[in-house]
C-alpha atoms as a PDB file:
ATOM      1  CA  UNK A   1      -8.892   0.212  63.501  1.00  0.00           C
ATOM      2  CA  UNK A   2      -9.357  -2.809  61.222  1.00  0.00           C
ATOM      3  CA  UNK A   3      -6.296  -4.633  59.959  1.00  0.00           C
ATOM      4  CA  UNK A   4      -5.792  -4.776  56.156  1.00  0.00           C
ATOM      5  CA  UNK A   5      -6.593  -8.102  54.465  1.00  0.00           C
ATOM      6  CA  UNK A   6      -3.617 -10.410  54.025  1.00  0.00           C
ATOM      7  CA  UNK A   7      -1.829 -10.187  50.653  1.00  0.00           C
ATOM      8  CA  UNK A   8      -1.683 -13.071  48.162  1.00  0.00           C
ATOM      9  CA  UNK A   9       1.977 -13.567  49.021  1.00  0.00           C
ATOM     10  CA  UNK A  10       1.076 -13.899  52.681  1.00  0.00           C
ATOM     11  CA  UNK A  11      -1.643 -16.436  51.837  1.00  0.00           C
ATOM     12  CA  UNK A  12       0.804 -18.489  49.775  1.00  0.00           C
ATOM     13  CA  UNK A  13       3.229 -18.506  52.701  1.00  0.00           C
ATOM     14  CA  UNK A  14       0.440 -19.692  54.991  1.00  0.00           C
ATOM     15  CA  UNK A  15      -0.382 -22.573  52.649  1.00  0.00           C
ATOM     16  CA  UNK A  16       3.295 -23.540  52.381  1.00  0.00           C
ATOM     17  CA  UNK A  17       3.498 -23.558  56.164  1.00  0.00           C
ATOM     18  CA  UNK A  18       0.466 -25.818  56.433  1.00  0.00           C
ATOM     19  CA  UNK A  19      -2.154 -23.139  57.092  1.00  0.00           C
ATOM     20  CA  UNK A  20      -5.405 -22.989  55.136  1.00  0.00           C
ATOM     21  CA  UNK A  21      -5.877 -20.305  52.485  1.00  0.00           C
ATOM     22  CA  UNK A  22      -8.780 -17.887  52.842  1.00  0.00           C
ATOM     23  CA  UNK A  23     -11.917 -18.284  50.657  1.00  0.00           C
ATOM     24  CA  UNK A  24     -11.053 -15.067  48.792  1.00  0.00           C
ATOM     25  CA  UNK A  25      -7.601 -16.424  47.987  1.00  0.00           C
ATOM     26  CA  UNK A  26      -9.041 -19.688  46.643  1.00  0.00           C
ATOM     27  CA  UNK A  27     -11.572 -17.792  44.500  1.00  0.00           C
ATOM     28  CA  UNK A  28      -8.847 -15.584  43.074  1.00  0.00           C
ATOM     29  CA  UNK A  29      -6.730 -18.633  42.236  1.00  0.00           C
ATOM     30  CA  UNK A  30      -9.679 -20.355  40.555  1.00  0.00           C
ATOM     31  CA  UNK A  31     -10.475 -17.239  38.483  1.00  0.00           C
ATOM     32  CA  UNK A  32      -6.824 -16.918  37.447  1.00  0.00           C
ATOM     33  CA  UNK A  33      -6.722 -20.574  36.415  1.00  0.00           C
ATOM     34  CA  UNK A  34      -9.887 -20.216  34.319  1.00  0.00           C
ATOM     35  CA  UNK A  35      -8.430 -17.077  32.685  1.00  0.00           C
ATOM     36  CA  UNK A  36      -5.226 -18.862  31.768  1.00  0.00           C
ATOM     37  CA  UNK A  37      -7.204 -21.777  30.334  1.00  0.00           C
ATOM     38  CA  UNK A  38      -9.319 -19.396  28.197  1.00  0.00           C
ATOM     39  CA  UNK A  39      -6.195 -17.640  26.867  1.00  0.00           C
ATOM     40  CA  UNK A  40      -4.560 -20.953  26.018  1.00  0.00           C
ATOM     41  CA  UNK A  41      -7.708 -22.090  24.208  1.00  0.00           C
ATOM     42  CA  UNK A  42      -7.941 -18.846  22.214  1.00  0.00           C
ATOM     43  CA  UNK A  43      -4.246 -19.029  21.268  1.00  0.00           C
ATOM     44  CA  UNK A  44      -4.561 -22.641  20.141  1.00  0.00           C
ATOM     45  CA  UNK A  45      -7.688 -21.865  18.103  1.00  0.00           C
ATOM     46  CA  UNK A  46      -6.006 -18.903  16.410  1.00  0.00           C
ATOM     47  CA  UNK A  47      -2.988 -21.050  15.597  1.00  0.00           C
ATOM     48  CA  UNK A  48      -5.164 -23.734  13.977  1.00  0.00           C
ATOM     49  CA  UNK A  49      -7.049 -21.040  12.016  1.00  0.00           C
ATOM     50  CA  UNK A  50      -3.776 -19.566  10.714  1.00  0.00           C
ATOM     51  CA  UNK A  51      -2.596 -23.000   9.599  1.00  0.00           C
ATOM     52  CA  UNK A  52      -5.846 -23.538   7.733  1.00  0.00           C
ATOM     53  CA  UNK A  53      -5.598 -20.166   5.958  1.00  0.00           C
ATOM     54  CA  UNK A  54      -1.986 -20.800   5.002  1.00  0.00           C
ATOM     55  CA  UNK A  55      -2.809 -24.236   3.627  1.00  0.00           C
ATOM     56  CA  UNK A  56      -5.734 -22.863   1.623  1.00  0.00           C
ATOM     57  CA  UNK A  57      -3.565 -20.060   0.231  1.00  0.00           C
ATOM     58  CA  UNK A  58      -0.889 -22.532  -0.866  1.00  0.00           C
ATOM     59  CA  UNK A  59      -3.486 -24.626  -2.647  1.00  0.00           C
ATOM     60  CA  UNK A  60      -4.923 -21.596  -4.449  1.00  0.00           C
ATOM     61  CA  UNK A  61      -1.452 -20.353  -5.418  1.00  0.00           C
ATOM     62  CA  UNK A  62      -0.474 -23.732  -6.802  1.00  0.00           C
ATOM     63  CA  UNK A  63      -3.719 -24.122  -8.732  1.00  0.00           C
ATOM     64  CA  UNK A  64      -3.537 -20.612 -10.228  1.00  0.00           C
ATOM     65  CA  UNK A  65      -0.058 -20.971 -11.713  1.00  0.00           C
ATOM     66  CA  UNK A  66      -0.041 -21.171 -15.508  1.00  0.00           C
ATOM     67  CA  UNK A  67       0.872 -24.758 -16.422  1.00  0.00           C
ATOM     68  CA  UNK A  68       4.451 -25.256 -17.474  1.00  0.00           C
ATOM     69  CA  UNK A  69       5.774 -21.877 -16.310  1.00  0.00           C
ATOM     70  CA  UNK A  70       7.862 -23.229 -13.449  1.00  0.00           C
ATOM     71  CA  UNK A  71       9.119 -26.167 -15.493  1.00  0.00           C
ATOM     72  CA  UNK A  72      10.098 -23.818 -18.316  1.00  0.00           C
ATOM     73  CA  UNK A  73      12.114 -21.550 -16.022  1.00  0.00           C
ATOM     74  CA  UNK A  74      13.849 -24.516 -14.403  1.00  0.00           C
ATOM     75  CA  UNK A  75      14.783 -26.039 -17.763  1.00  0.00           C
ATOM     76  CA  UNK A  76      16.185 -22.755 -19.075  1.00  0.00           C
ATOM     77  CA  UNK A  77      18.283 -22.232 -15.959  1.00  0.00           C
ATOM     78  CA  UNK A  78      19.622 -25.808 -16.158  1.00  0.00           C
ATOM     79  CA  UNK A  79      20.845 -25.256 -19.729  1.00  0.00           C
ATOM     80  CA  UNK A  80      24.621 -24.845 -20.131  1.00  0.00           C
ATOM     81  CA  UNK A  81      25.545 -21.202 -19.546  1.00  0.00           C
ATOM     82  CA  UNK A  82      26.707 -19.289 -22.598  1.00  0.00           C
ATOM     83  CA  UNK A  83      30.139 -17.698 -22.290  1.00  0.00           C
ATOM     84  CA  UNK A  84      31.386 -14.581 -24.026  1.00  0.00           C
ATOM     85  CA  UNK A  85      34.873 -14.387 -25.570  1.00  0.00           C
ATOM     86  CA  UNK A  86      35.979 -12.403 -22.508  1.00  0.00           C
ATOM     87  CA  UNK A  87      34.818 -15.190 -20.189  1.00  0.00           C
ATOM     88  CA  UNK A  88      31.691 -13.434 -18.924  1.00  0.00           C
ATOM     89  CA  UNK A  89      28.475 -15.404 -18.718  1.00  0.00           C
ATOM     90  CA  UNK A  90      25.812 -14.009 -21.032  1.00  0.00           C
ATOM     91  CA  UNK A  91      23.558 -12.458 -18.374  1.00  0.00           C
ATOM     92  CA  UNK A  92      20.228 -13.442 -19.969  1.00  0.00           C
ATOM     93  CA  UNK A  93      19.310 -17.082 -20.607  1.00  0.00           C
ATOM     94  CA  UNK A  94      18.900 -18.063 -24.252  1.00  0.00           C
ATOM     95  CA  UNK A  95      20.185 -14.828 -25.801  1.00  0.00           C
ATOM     96  CA  UNK A  96      22.807 -15.384 -28.547  1.00  0.00           C
ATOM     97  CA  UNK A  97      25.678 -12.930 -28.821  1.00  0.00           C
ATOM     98  CA  UNK A  98      24.637 -12.054 -32.369  1.00  0.00           C
ATOM     99  CA  UNK A  99      21.384 -10.522 -31.098  1.00  0.00           C
ATOM    100  CA  UNK A 100      23.096  -8.131 -28.669  1.00  0.00           C
ATOM    101  CA  UNK A 101      23.439  -4.595 -30.012  1.00  0.00           C
ATOM    102  CA  UNK A 102      25.814  -1.844 -28.961  1.00  0.00           C
ATOM    103  CA  UNK A 103      23.541   0.693 -27.251  1.00  0.00           C
ATOM    104  CA  UNK A 104      26.323   2.546 -25.404  1.00  0.00           C
ATOM    105  CA  UNK A 105      26.133   6.317 -25.793  1.00  0.00           C
ATOM    106  CA  UNK A 106      22.656   6.400 -27.287  1.00  0.00           C
ATOM    107  CA  UNK A 107      20.547   9.442 -26.463  1.00  0.00           C
ATOM    108  CA  UNK A 108      17.992   9.009 -23.714  1.00  0.00           C
ATOM    109  CA  UNK A 109      15.258  11.280 -22.295  1.00  0.00           C
ATOM    110  CA  UNK A 110      15.286  13.519 -25.381  1.00  0.00           C
ATOM    111  CA  UNK A 111      19.028  14.054 -25.167  1.00  0.00           C
ATOM    112  CA  UNK A 112      19.131  14.761 -21.440  1.00  0.00           C
ATOM    113  CA  UNK A 113      21.514  11.864 -20.861  1.00  0.00           C
ATOM    114  CA  UNK A 114      23.540   9.240 -22.673  1.00  0.00           C
ATOM    115  CA  UNK A 115      23.025   5.518 -22.265  1.00  0.00           C
ATOM    116  CA  UNK A 116      25.763   3.909 -20.171  1.00  0.00           C
ATOM    117  CA  UNK A 117      25.203   0.211 -20.622  1.00  0.00           C
ATOM    118  CA  UNK A 118      24.039  -2.516 -22.980  1.00  0.00           C
ATOM    119  CA  UNK A 119      20.351  -3.329 -23.340  1.00  0.00           C
ATOM    120  CA  UNK A 120      19.603  -7.021 -23.877  1.00  0.00           C
ATOM    121  CA  UNK A 121      16.053  -7.681 -25.068  1.00  0.00           C
ATOM    122  CA  UNK A 122      14.260 -10.834 -23.924  1.00  0.00           C
ATOM    123  CA  UNK A 123      10.816 -12.083 -23.032  1.00  0.00           C
ATOM    124  CA  UNK A 124       9.335 -11.033 -19.725  1.00  0.00           C
ATOM    125  CA  UNK A 125      10.373 -13.373 -16.921  1.00  0.00           C
ATOM    126  CA  UNK A 126      13.460 -14.747 -18.695  1.00  0.00           C
ATOM    127  CA  UNK A 127      16.042 -15.644 -16.026  1.00  0.00           C
ATOM    128  CA  UNK A 128      18.873 -13.145 -15.531  1.00  0.00           C
ATOM    129  CA  UNK A 129      22.229 -14.686 -14.587  1.00  0.00           C
ATOM    130  CA  UNK A 130      25.289 -13.339 -12.803  1.00  0.00           C
ATOM    131  CA  UNK A 131      27.863 -12.520 -15.484  1.00  0.00           C
ATOM    132  CA  UNK A 132      30.719 -13.175 -13.054  1.00  0.00           C
ATOM    133  CA  UNK A 133      31.179 -14.466  -9.519  1.00  0.00           C
ATOM    134  CA  UNK A 134      30.975 -11.826  -6.830  1.00  0.00           C
ATOM    135  CA  UNK A 135      29.032 -10.420  -3.900  1.00  0.00           C
ATOM    136  CA  UNK A 136      25.700  -8.596  -4.056  1.00  0.00           C
ATOM    137  CA  UNK A 137      26.726  -5.078  -3.136  1.00  0.00           C
ATOM    138  CA  UNK A 138      23.321  -3.395  -3.310  1.00  0.00           C
ATOM    139  CA  UNK A 139      19.676  -4.306  -3.860  1.00  0.00           C
ATOM    140  CA  UNK A 140      18.021  -1.076  -4.872  1.00  0.00           C
ATOM    141  CA  UNK A 141      14.751   0.093  -6.446  1.00  0.00           C
ATOM    142  CA  UNK A 142      15.061   3.414  -8.251  1.00  0.00           C
ATOM    143  CA  UNK A 143      12.882   5.584 -10.484  1.00  0.00           C
ATOM    144  CA  UNK A 144      15.205   5.069 -13.460  1.00  0.00           C
ATOM    145  CA  UNK A 145      16.432   1.502 -13.048  1.00  0.00           C
ATOM    146  CA  UNK A 146      13.437  -0.029 -11.326  1.00  0.00           C
ATOM    147  CA  UNK A 147      14.460  -3.182  -9.488  1.00  0.00           C
ATOM    148  CA  UNK A 148      18.236  -3.264  -9.691  1.00  0.00           C
ATOM    149  CA  UNK A 149      21.215  -5.255  -8.457  1.00  0.00           C
ATOM    150  CA  UNK A 150      24.848  -4.239  -8.100  1.00  0.00           C
ATOM    151  CA  UNK A 151      27.261  -7.159  -7.877  1.00  0.00           C
ATOM    152  CA  UNK A 152      30.886  -6.443  -6.935  1.00  0.00           C
ATOM    153  CA  UNK A 153      33.677  -8.689  -8.165  1.00  0.00           C
ATOM    154  CA  UNK A 154      35.567 -10.611  -5.512  1.00  0.00           C
ATOM    155  CA  UNK A 155      38.627  -8.370  -5.937  1.00  0.00           C
ATOM    156  CA  UNK A 156      36.296  -5.323  -5.650  1.00  0.00           C
ATOM    157  CA  UNK A 157      37.725  -3.782  -8.840  1.00  0.00           C
ATOM    158  CA  UNK A 158      34.561  -4.207 -10.931  1.00  0.00           C
ATOM    159  CA  UNK A 159      30.851  -3.606 -10.408  1.00  0.00           C
ATOM    160  CA  UNK A 160      28.165  -5.229 -12.558  1.00  0.00           C
ATOM    161  CA  UNK A 161      24.777  -3.521 -12.766  1.00  0.00           C
ATOM    162  CA  UNK A 162      21.489  -5.286 -13.608  1.00  0.00           C
ATOM    163  CA  UNK A 163      18.409  -3.072 -14.045  1.00  0.00           C
ATOM    164  CA  UNK A 164      14.688  -3.156 -14.962  1.00  0.00           C
ATOM    165  CA  UNK A 165      14.246  -6.552 -13.265  1.00  0.00           C
ATOM    166  CA  UNK A 166      10.734  -7.899 -12.806  1.00  0.00           C
ATOM    167  CA  UNK A 167      11.804  -9.636  -9.596  1.00  0.00           C
ATOM    168  CA  UNK A 168      14.839 -10.955  -7.768  1.00  0.00           C
ATOM    169  CA  UNK A 169      15.678 -14.635  -7.662  1.00  0.00           C
ATOM    170  CA  UNK A 170      14.989 -16.405  -4.344  1.00  0.00           C
ATOM    171  CA  UNK A 171      17.786 -15.970  -1.825  1.00  0.00           C
ATOM    172  CA  UNK A 172      19.282 -12.885  -3.477  1.00  0.00           C
ATOM    173  CA  UNK A 173      20.108 -10.103  -1.023  1.00  0.00           C
ATOM    174  CA  UNK A 174      22.886  -7.768  -0.006  1.00  0.00           C
ATOM    175  CA  UNK A 175      26.029  -9.571   1.079  1.00  0.00           C
ATOM    176  CA  UNK A 176      25.110 -12.814  -0.696  1.00  0.00           C
ATOM    177  CA  UNK A 177      27.936 -14.407  -2.686  1.00  0.00           C
ATOM    178  CA  UNK A 178      26.918 -15.532  -6.174  1.00  0.00           C
ATOM    179  CA  UNK A 179      28.564 -17.771  -8.759  1.00  0.00           C
ATOM    180  CA  UNK A 180      28.886 -17.019 -12.448  1.00  0.00           C
ATOM    181  CA  UNK A 181      25.754 -18.245 -14.192  1.00  0.00           C
ATOM    182  CA  UNK A 182      23.652 -18.245 -11.011  1.00  0.00           C
ATOM    183  CA  UNK A 183      20.081 -16.924 -11.436  1.00  0.00           C
ATOM    184  CA  UNK A 184      19.798 -13.526  -9.775  1.00  0.00           C
ATOM    185  CA  UNK A 185      16.540 -12.148 -11.185  1.00  0.00           C
ATOM    186  CA  UNK A 186      14.085 -12.032 -14.079  1.00  0.00           C
ATOM    187  CA  UNK A 187      13.782  -9.745 -17.092  1.00  0.00           C
ATOM    188  CA  UNK A 188      11.174  -7.025 -16.646  1.00  0.00           C
ATOM    189  CA  UNK A 189      10.187  -3.490 -17.578  1.00  0.00           C
ATOM    190  CA  UNK A 190      10.420  -1.736 -14.201  1.00  0.00           C
ATOM    191  CA  UNK A 191      11.735   1.803 -13.812  1.00  0.00           C
ATOM    192  CA  UNK A 192      11.877   3.940 -16.939  1.00  0.00           C
ATOM    193  CA  UNK A 193      12.157   1.001 -19.347  1.00  0.00           C
ATOM    194  CA  UNK A 194       8.661   1.672 -20.637  1.00  0.00           C
ATOM    195  CA  UNK A 195       5.671  -0.613 -20.281  1.00  0.00           C
ATOM    196  CA  UNK A 196       6.189  -3.782 -22.300  1.00  0.00           C
ATOM    197  CA  UNK A 197       9.785  -2.917 -23.236  1.00  0.00           C
ATOM    198  CA  UNK A 198      11.195  -6.016 -21.578  1.00  0.00           C
ATOM    199  CA  UNK A 199      14.975  -6.035 -21.431  1.00  0.00           C
ATOM    200  CA  UNK A 200      17.960  -6.177 -19.120  1.00  0.00           C
ATOM    201  CA  UNK A 201      20.106  -3.072 -18.787  1.00  0.00           C
ATOM    202  CA  UNK A 202      23.578  -4.466 -18.161  1.00  0.00           C
ATOM    203  CA  UNK A 203      26.244  -2.067 -16.933  1.00  0.00           C
ATOM    204  CA  UNK A 204      29.899  -2.431 -15.971  1.00  0.00           C
ATOM    205  CA  UNK A 205      31.980   0.011 -13.911  1.00  0.00           C
ATOM    206  CA  UNK A 206      35.689   0.023 -13.147  1.00  0.00           C
ATOM    207  CA  UNK A 207      36.015   0.566  -9.391  1.00  0.00           C
ATOM    208  CA  UNK A 208      38.695   1.903  -7.106  1.00  0.00           C
ATOM    209  CA  UNK A 209      39.045  -0.051  -3.892  1.00  0.00           C
ATOM    210  CA  UNK A 210      37.299   2.617  -1.801  1.00  0.00           C
ATOM    211  CA  UNK A 211      34.405   3.253  -4.210  1.00  0.00           C
ATOM    212  CA  UNK A 212      30.845   2.604  -3.059  1.00  0.00           C
ATOM    213  CA  UNK A 213      28.180   0.892  -5.148  1.00  0.00           C
ATOM    214  CA  UNK A 214      27.007   4.107  -6.874  1.00  0.00           C
ATOM    215  CA  UNK A 215      30.515   5.231  -7.793  1.00  0.00           C
ATOM    216  CA  UNK A 216      33.098   3.959 -10.276  1.00  0.00           C
ATOM    217  CA  UNK A 217      33.864   4.637 -13.925  1.00  0.00           C
ATOM    218  CA  UNK A 218      31.246   3.208 -16.322  1.00  0.00           C
ATOM    219  CA  UNK A 219      32.677   1.438 -19.351  1.00  0.00           C
ATOM    220  CA  UNK A 220      31.021  -0.002 -22.442  1.00  0.00           C
ATOM    221  CA  UNK A 221      30.014  -3.649 -21.727  1.00  0.00           C
ATOM    222  CA  UNK A 222      29.474  -4.452 -25.406  1.00  0.00           C
ATOM    223  CA  UNK A 223      33.103  -5.376 -26.254  1.00  0.00           C
ATOM    224  CA  UNK A 224      33.225  -7.561 -23.133  1.00  0.00           C
ATOM    225  CA  UNK A 225      30.100  -9.388 -24.249  1.00  0.00           C
ATOM    226  CA  UNK A 226      30.764  -9.898 -27.948  1.00  0.00           C
ATOM    227  CA  UNK A 227      34.554  -9.742 -28.013  1.00  0.00           C
ATOM    228  CA  UNK A 228      34.885  -7.100 -30.703  1.00  0.00           C
ATOM    229  CA  UNK A 229      35.792  -3.415 -30.327  1.00  0.00           C
ATOM    230  CA  UNK A 230      32.976  -0.914 -30.516  1.00  0.00           C
ATOM    231  CA  UNK A 231      32.932   1.777 -33.188  1.00  0.00           C
ATOM    232  CA  UNK A 232      31.828   4.394 -30.672  1.00  0.00           C
END
């Protein structure tokens, strides 16, 4: 009965002890080395290719940007933030208080619901600012509100709702602490706003300490923004 061929482990032990490895063992080692070299070469080539694609994409993206758009956004965000009589920051850059209307309680969806917030019209892409300091409680995309943000006050007694955003500002996510006047998004027409009806839906809710982001008692933001009582 023939003995089985020695294992690779056995051959390695022989070499360590000073014995010569078999021809089959040397061939296997050479094949394994060539295989590792091929894999390393393929990996390195793929890495270089990915870098090239990324660089080309960055160049295209930079070249395709409309001139002045980034500079315009930066300049508007750098402008002094407008404060309301109640101390809130006006949540849309460049919007004077006199242009904000009281839309609380207006009929929506053919009378199926009443509007619970203040709509602030502005051009598409206008920066949206945090009205107060707080913590991003929820980043949520819904059928009605589109891209939305819920920001909870630091004492957790108030929730501020920003809806119909075109996009979120870089770095905005759940659990992020924001300062009053910090850019949090951009005016859009997502959700049920209607195509081309660019505006921010700004809502305020009075919260109990145990309330979650979707709970609370909605109140009219208009008096907080303009400092005068509403007739509704």
